[in-house]
Protein backbone atom coordinates (compact mmCIF):
# COMPACT_ATOMS: atom_id res chain seq x y z
CA MET A 1 2.85 -3.00 -5.15
CA HIS A 2 1.83 0.23 -3.34
CA THR A 3 2.81 3.61 -4.66
CA ILE A 4 2.92 6.90 -2.94
CA LEU A 5 1.81 9.89 -4.95
CA ILE A 6 2.90 13.23 -3.70
CA ASP A 7 1.44 16.63 -4.98
CA GLU A 8 4.36 18.98 -4.55
CA ARG A 9 2.00 21.99 -5.09
CA TRP A 10 0.33 21.29 -1.81
CA CYS A 11 3.31 19.76 0.31
CA LYS A 12 4.86 22.16 2.85
CA GLY A 13 7.67 19.85 3.77
CA CYS A 14 6.41 19.28 7.38
CA LYS A 15 8.28 15.71 7.29
CA LEU A 16 5.30 14.04 9.15
CA CYS A 17 5.34 11.42 6.55
CA THR A 18 8.83 10.62 6.58
CA VAL A 19 9.37 10.56 10.34
CA ASN A 20 6.22 8.23 10.82
CA CYS A 21 6.72 5.94 8.23
CA PRO A 22 7.13 2.33 9.68
CA THR A 23 9.06 0.90 6.61
CA ARG A 24 11.15 4.06 5.98
CA ALA A 25 9.70 4.24 2.39
CA LEU A 26 9.87 7.94 2.30
CA HIS A 27 12.64 10.47 2.78
CA MET A 28 13.21 14.08 2.10
CA ALA A 29 14.45 14.99 -1.28
CA GLU A 30 17.76 17.10 -1.51
CA ARG A 31 16.21 19.05 -4.55
CA PHE A 32 13.82 22.00 -4.00
CA THR A 33 10.41 22.38 -5.35
CA LYS A 34 9.08 25.59 -7.14
CA ARG A 35 7.90 26.67 -3.55
CA GLY A 36 11.37 26.24 -2.24
CA ILE A 37 10.85 23.31 -0.12
CA HIS A 38 12.31 19.79 0.10
CA PRO A 39 9.60 17.38 -0.79
CA PRO A 40 9.28 13.83 0.49
CA GLU A 41 10.03 11.16 -1.99
CA LEU A 42 10.22 7.30 -2.24
CA ALA A 43 13.51 6.01 -0.78
CA GLN A 44 13.29 2.65 -2.41
CA ASN A 45 10.57 1.10 -4.59
CA GLY A 46 8.86 -1.92 -2.91
CA ARG A 47 9.24 -0.63 0.73
CA CYS A 48 5.92 0.87 1.05
CA ASN A 49 3.49 -1.70 2.67
CA GLY A 50 0.35 0.30 2.02
CA CYS A 51 -0.39 1.31 5.45
CA ARG A 52 -1.45 4.64 4.37
CA LEU A 53 -0.06 6.40 7.57
CA CYS A 54 1.67 9.09 5.64
CA GLU A 55 -1.54 9.78 3.72
CA LEU A 56 -3.63 9.91 7.02
CA LEU A 57 -0.97 12.25 8.85
CA CYS A 58 -0.47 14.72 5.94
CA PRO A 59 -2.07 17.91 7.05
CA ASP A 60 -2.19 19.23 3.56
CA PHE A 61 -3.59 16.15 1.91
CA ALA A 62 -0.69 16.12 -0.38
CA ILE A 63 -0.20 12.29 -0.30
CA THR A 64 -2.18 9.60 -1.87
CA VAL A 65 -1.27 5.79 -1.56
CA THR A 66 -2.27 3.74 -4.49
CA GLU A 67 -1.42 0.22 -6.09
CA GLY A 68 0.69 0.92 -9.37
CA VAL A 69 3.18 3.31 -10.70
CA GLY A 70 4.03 6.50 -9.00
CA VAL A 71 4.32 9.96 -10.21
CA HIS A 72 4.99 13.27 -8.82
CA LEU A 73 2.62 16.15 -9.88
C-alpha cells in the first residue's frame, strides 16, 4: 500500500497534485493550515497506485510517496 506524505509547512495549495492524480487519491481539505491554505489530503486509503505523479509535479517538494502509513507534518 502506498502512502502520500504532505509537508503542510511547504505546501502553497496550488492543486497540481489533486488535479493531475490519475486515481483521484487526493483532494483539497476543507480545513485551513497555519498558513491559511487548504492543503491536499488523501481522499480514500488504498486509492494511491504509487505513480508518484503528485510528488514529481509538486513545485514546493511538499509531497513524498512511500509505502506504509501516512502522516501529516
